[in-house]
Every structure is written in structure tokens, then in C-alpha cells.
Protein backbone atom coordinates (compact mmCIF):
# COMPACT_ATOMS: atom_id res chain seq x y z
CA MET A 1 42.15 -37.56 -181.50
CA LYS A 2 40.23 -36.22 -178.51
CA LYS A 3 37.98 -38.75 -176.84
CA GLN A 4 34.31 -38.08 -177.13
CA ILE A 5 32.90 -36.72 -173.69
CA GLY A 6 30.57 -38.88 -171.85
CA TRP A 7 29.53 -39.81 -168.23
CA ARG A 8 31.74 -42.86 -168.02
CA ASP A 9 34.77 -42.07 -170.39
CA ASN A 10 35.73 -38.37 -169.41
CA MET A 11 37.28 -37.62 -166.14
CA LYS A 12 36.28 -34.33 -164.37
CA THR A 13 37.74 -32.66 -161.33
CA ILE A 14 35.11 -31.10 -159.15
CA GLY A 15 35.93 -28.56 -156.55
CA PHE A 16 33.22 -27.91 -153.93
CA VAL A 17 33.50 -24.71 -152.09
CA ARG A 18 31.18 -23.87 -149.30
CA HIS A 19 30.08 -20.31 -149.00
CA GLY A 20 31.60 -17.70 -146.50
CA ILE A 21 30.09 -17.33 -143.12
CA THR A 22 26.86 -15.52 -142.48
CA GLU A 23 25.25 -14.07 -139.28
CA TRP A 24 22.96 -17.20 -139.11
CA ASN A 25 25.94 -19.44 -139.06
CA LYS A 26 27.31 -17.65 -136.32
CA GLU A 27 24.06 -18.00 -134.34
CA ARG A 28 23.94 -21.52 -135.42
CA ARG A 29 20.46 -20.88 -137.20
CA TRP A 30 19.21 -23.58 -139.78
CA GLN A 31 19.34 -21.50 -143.01
CA GLY A 32 18.24 -23.89 -145.81
CA ALA A 33 16.65 -21.86 -148.54
CA THR A 34 16.48 -18.70 -146.59
CA ASP A 35 18.22 -16.13 -148.54
CA ILE A 36 20.82 -14.93 -145.97
CA PRO A 37 23.74 -12.70 -147.22
CA LEU A 38 27.36 -13.08 -146.24
CA ALA A 39 28.51 -11.41 -143.02
CA GLU A 40 31.62 -9.10 -143.12
CA GLU A 41 33.61 -11.86 -142.05
CA GLY A 42 32.27 -14.12 -144.83
CA VAL A 43 33.21 -11.62 -147.35
CA ARG A 44 36.81 -11.47 -146.05
CA GLU A 45 36.86 -15.35 -146.14
CA ALA A 46 35.73 -15.34 -149.77
CA HIS A 47 38.40 -12.95 -150.65
CA LEU A 48 40.91 -15.27 -149.16
CA ALA A 49 39.57 -18.23 -150.86
CA ALA A 50 39.50 -16.41 -154.17
CA SER A 51 43.16 -15.58 -153.97
CA ARG A 52 43.90 -19.15 -153.33
CA LEU A 53 41.73 -20.40 -156.22
CA ALA A 54 43.20 -17.93 -158.62
CA GLU A 55 46.32 -19.76 -158.35
CA GLU A 56 44.72 -22.92 -159.47
CA ASP A 57 43.63 -24.14 -162.85
CA TRP A 58 39.91 -23.76 -162.48
CA GLU A 59 38.07 -23.37 -165.77
CA ILE A 60 34.52 -22.62 -164.93
CA ILE A 61 32.28 -21.77 -161.85
CA TYR A 62 28.68 -23.04 -160.95
CA ALA A 63 27.02 -21.69 -157.91
CA SER A 64 23.78 -21.66 -156.02
CA PRO A 65 21.95 -18.59 -156.62
CA LEU A 66 21.30 -18.04 -152.83
CA LYS A 67 22.91 -14.73 -151.78
CA ARG A 68 25.79 -16.30 -149.63
CA ALA A 69 26.79 -18.61 -152.29
CA ARG A 70 26.23 -16.11 -155.12
CA GLU A 71 28.34 -13.48 -153.32
CA THR A 72 31.10 -16.03 -152.52
CA ALA A 73 31.21 -17.08 -156.23
CA GLU A 74 31.27 -13.44 -157.67
CA ILE A 75 34.18 -12.76 -155.40
CA ILE A 76 36.04 -15.76 -156.66
CA ARG A 77 35.21 -14.76 -160.25
CA GLU A 78 36.56 -11.30 -159.84
CA ALA A 79 39.82 -12.92 -158.85
CA ILE A 80 40.07 -15.21 -161.88
CA PRO A 81 40.06 -12.92 -165.06
CA GLY A 82 37.81 -14.35 -167.86
CA ILE A 83 36.21 -17.30 -166.11
CA ASP A 84 32.61 -17.94 -166.57
CA LEU A 85 30.22 -18.06 -163.62
CA ARG A 86 26.77 -19.63 -164.14
CA PHE A 87 24.03 -20.24 -161.47
CA ASP A 88 21.84 -23.31 -160.95
CA GLU A 89 18.87 -23.73 -158.96
CA ARG A 90 19.84 -27.38 -158.30
CA LEU A 91 22.84 -26.32 -156.24
CA LYS A 92 20.72 -24.68 -153.47
CA GLU A 93 21.00 -25.79 -149.94
CA VAL A 94 18.68 -28.54 -148.58
CA TYR A 95 15.27 -27.02 -147.97
CA GLY A 96 14.46 -27.00 -144.29
CA GLY A 97 10.84 -26.16 -144.17
CA ASN A 98 9.60 -25.17 -140.62
CA LEU A 99 13.19 -25.74 -139.27
CA GLU A 100 14.63 -22.85 -141.00
CA GLY A 101 15.42 -19.83 -138.82
CA THR A 102 15.70 -22.03 -135.78
CA THR A 103 18.48 -22.95 -133.31
CA GLU A 104 19.00 -26.34 -131.94
CA GLU A 105 17.70 -25.25 -128.56
CA GLU A 106 14.46 -23.95 -130.23
CA ARG A 107 14.00 -27.08 -132.27
CA VAL A 108 14.35 -29.16 -129.21
CA LYS A 109 12.02 -26.97 -127.17
CA LYS A 110 9.31 -27.09 -130.04
CA TRP A 111 9.71 -30.67 -131.32
CA GLY A 112 11.78 -32.68 -128.76
CA THR A 113 15.26 -34.16 -128.85
CA ASP A 114 14.46 -36.54 -131.48
CA TRP A 115 13.33 -33.93 -134.02
CA ARG A 116 15.89 -35.11 -136.62
CA ILE A 117 14.12 -38.42 -137.15
CA ARG A 118 10.93 -36.52 -138.00
CA ALA A 119 12.41 -33.58 -139.91
CA GLU A 120 10.55 -34.33 -143.10
CA GLU A 121 7.29 -34.01 -141.23
CA TYR A 122 8.17 -30.41 -140.72
CA GLY A 123 8.82 -29.71 -144.33
CA MET A 124 12.58 -30.68 -144.69
CA GLU A 125 13.67 -31.68 -148.08
CA SER A 126 14.43 -35.40 -148.18
CA ASP A 127 18.06 -36.70 -148.67
CA SER A 128 16.89 -38.63 -151.71
CA ASP A 129 15.37 -35.71 -153.41
CA MET A 130 18.31 -33.32 -152.79
CA THR A 131 20.72 -35.98 -154.00
CA ALA A 132 18.70 -36.70 -157.12
CA ARG A 133 18.82 -33.03 -158.29
CA GLY A 134 22.57 -32.83 -157.36
CA MET A 135 23.35 -35.97 -159.31
CA ALA A 136 21.35 -34.72 -162.24
CA PHE A 137 23.42 -31.56 -162.34
CA LEU A 138 26.65 -33.60 -162.26
CA GLU A 139 25.41 -35.72 -165.27
CA GLU A 140 25.40 -32.42 -167.23
CA VAL A 141 28.63 -31.36 -165.85
CA ARG A 142 30.30 -34.60 -167.16
CA LYS A 143 29.45 -33.42 -170.72
CA LEU A 144 31.04 -30.11 -170.41
CA PRO A 145 34.24 -29.46 -172.47
CA GLU A 146 35.87 -27.99 -169.21
CA GLU A 147 37.68 -30.50 -166.96
CA ARG A 148 37.98 -28.63 -163.90
CA ILE A 149 34.92 -27.34 -162.34
CA LEU A 150 34.21 -25.24 -159.27
CA ILE A 151 30.83 -25.59 -157.50
CA VAL A 152 30.15 -22.94 -154.84
CA SER A 153 27.31 -24.29 -152.67
CA HIS A 154 26.19 -25.14 -148.94
CA GLY A 155 27.33 -27.33 -146.29
CA GLY A 156 24.36 -29.53 -146.27
CA PHE A 157 24.34 -29.90 -150.12
CA ILE A 158 28.01 -30.70 -150.41
CA SER A 159 27.99 -33.16 -147.54
CA ARG A 160 25.08 -35.15 -149.05
CA MET A 161 26.88 -35.08 -152.44
CA LEU A 162 29.99 -36.42 -151.07
CA LYS A 163 28.25 -39.37 -149.41
CA ALA A 164 26.56 -40.13 -152.82
CA MET A 165 29.59 -39.72 -154.79
CA THR A 166 32.05 -41.48 -152.63
CA PRO A 167 29.94 -44.03 -150.61
CA GLU A 168 32.94 -45.91 -149.40
CA ARG A 169 34.45 -43.03 -147.56
CA GLU A 170 33.42 -41.76 -144.18
CA TYR A 171 33.19 -38.07 -143.60
CA THR A 172 33.15 -36.93 -139.99
CA GLU A 173 34.45 -33.38 -139.98
CA ARG A 174 31.79 -30.67 -140.33
CA LEU A 175 32.40 -28.60 -143.48
CA LEU A 176 33.90 -25.14 -142.82
CA ASN A 177 32.87 -21.91 -144.43
CA THR A 178 34.93 -21.46 -147.70
CA SER A 179 36.42 -24.91 -147.50
CA LEU A 180 37.63 -26.39 -150.56
CA THR A 181 36.74 -30.21 -151.06
CA VAL A 182 38.11 -31.78 -154.40
CA VAL A 183 36.55 -34.99 -156.09
CA GLU A 184 37.82 -36.69 -159.16
CA LEU A 185 35.17 -38.30 -161.28
CA ARG A 186 36.83 -41.29 -162.78
CA ASP A 187 35.78 -44.14 -164.98
CA ASP A 188 35.82 -46.73 -162.35
CA ARG A 189 35.09 -44.67 -159.17
CA ASN A 190 35.10 -41.24 -157.86
CA LEU A 191 37.92 -40.11 -155.65
CA CYS A 192 38.10 -37.47 -152.91
CA THR A 193 41.54 -36.11 -153.06
CA LEU A 194 41.09 -33.10 -150.72
CA TYR A 195 38.56 -32.60 -147.94
CA ASN A 196 37.39 -29.51 -145.95
CA CYS A 197 40.65 -27.71 -146.68
CA THR A 198 40.81 -23.97 -145.30
CA LYS A 199 44.54 -23.33 -145.42
CA HIS A 200 43.76 -20.08 -147.27
CA LEU A 201 42.04 -18.80 -143.97
CA ASN A 202 45.59 -18.88 -142.28
CA ALA A 203 47.34 -17.11 -145.18
């Protein structure tokens, strides 16, 4: 008899995919909620990621509706016949307020070298608010019949979610574009089994 699905009694495997590269990524501009599309290189990256993911047993895709994530997710869906793709506002990147569109040099010039500790004063979404919407989404995911779920989102969002889901682990590497990170949601604790993997880009 199949066990009833619930937050504590049903293990899920979550695959976090960061979107392909954009022109703002190349310029190291803060993107946040600004709706920037993929660069040509980002489209190529997404196709390489899609070829890899098509060989794995993913059952459903959820994605941020922002263009760079949407385009990445749509390319992945095309490579996996029959898979369902859904968009959720809660998967958007951390909102950056007045920081969006700026480079590090521009931020330092405008707000000083310690701008990070005052980022919320400039309109940036707090870590707690972003984590709350992300965890609310995951609570709903745990009730799905599917057991292997892909989430196509953003570097800031994924990084904060990993810290919340696996607080005992330290993550030091910056998440790369189209990287795959896998987390198993278990009864006792969550376990990150793959982090920031981009082997498909070397295929």
C-alpha cells in the first residue's frame, strides 16, 4: 500500500538549475527581478543542460517566470517529451531594489564599500522574506505525487534556499549558470548530494 504523502513522510529529490548566462551576468550587473533574457551563450548552455537532464528521471519542472529562467526551463522541457512545466512567482530571484542594474564598482561609488550591510535600505528583499516564500513553495512540493522535481531559478534564490534547507553544510563556490544542484528532502534531514555541477558544459 502506498504511503500517504506528507511533509515528513515522503522523500523528494529536488534538482535546482540556475538559468543560462545573460548579458548582465557577463557585465556582472545585479539582475534581481529585472527581466533580462538569455544571451546567445546562455541559450547554448541551456541546450547542453537539457541534453543532460533528458537522460535523468525528472518528472516535473517548476520555474521562475522571469525570462532568463523561463527560457532555460522551456529549452529543458523541449528535450524531455511529455514533462509538465509550471511557473511560480515564488521562484523569482531576490528583489534588489535600487541595486538592480548596477555593477560592484557603481555600488561602491554610490553607497560606499559597506553597501552590503545596508542593502535593505536600498530596497533589497530580506533573506528571511525570500526564504519564507521559497520554503512555502517547497511545502507544497512535498505534497505532489511526483518524486523528482526540477526547479529552474536564480543564483541568489538557490543559494539562500540551500542555506535554509541544509544549514549544517557550508557552500563557498558561486553557483554557475545552468549548474545542477540536487537535494534530497528526507524524514530526518535534507541532504545535498550534488552541488554546482556543470559537467554538461564540457560535453
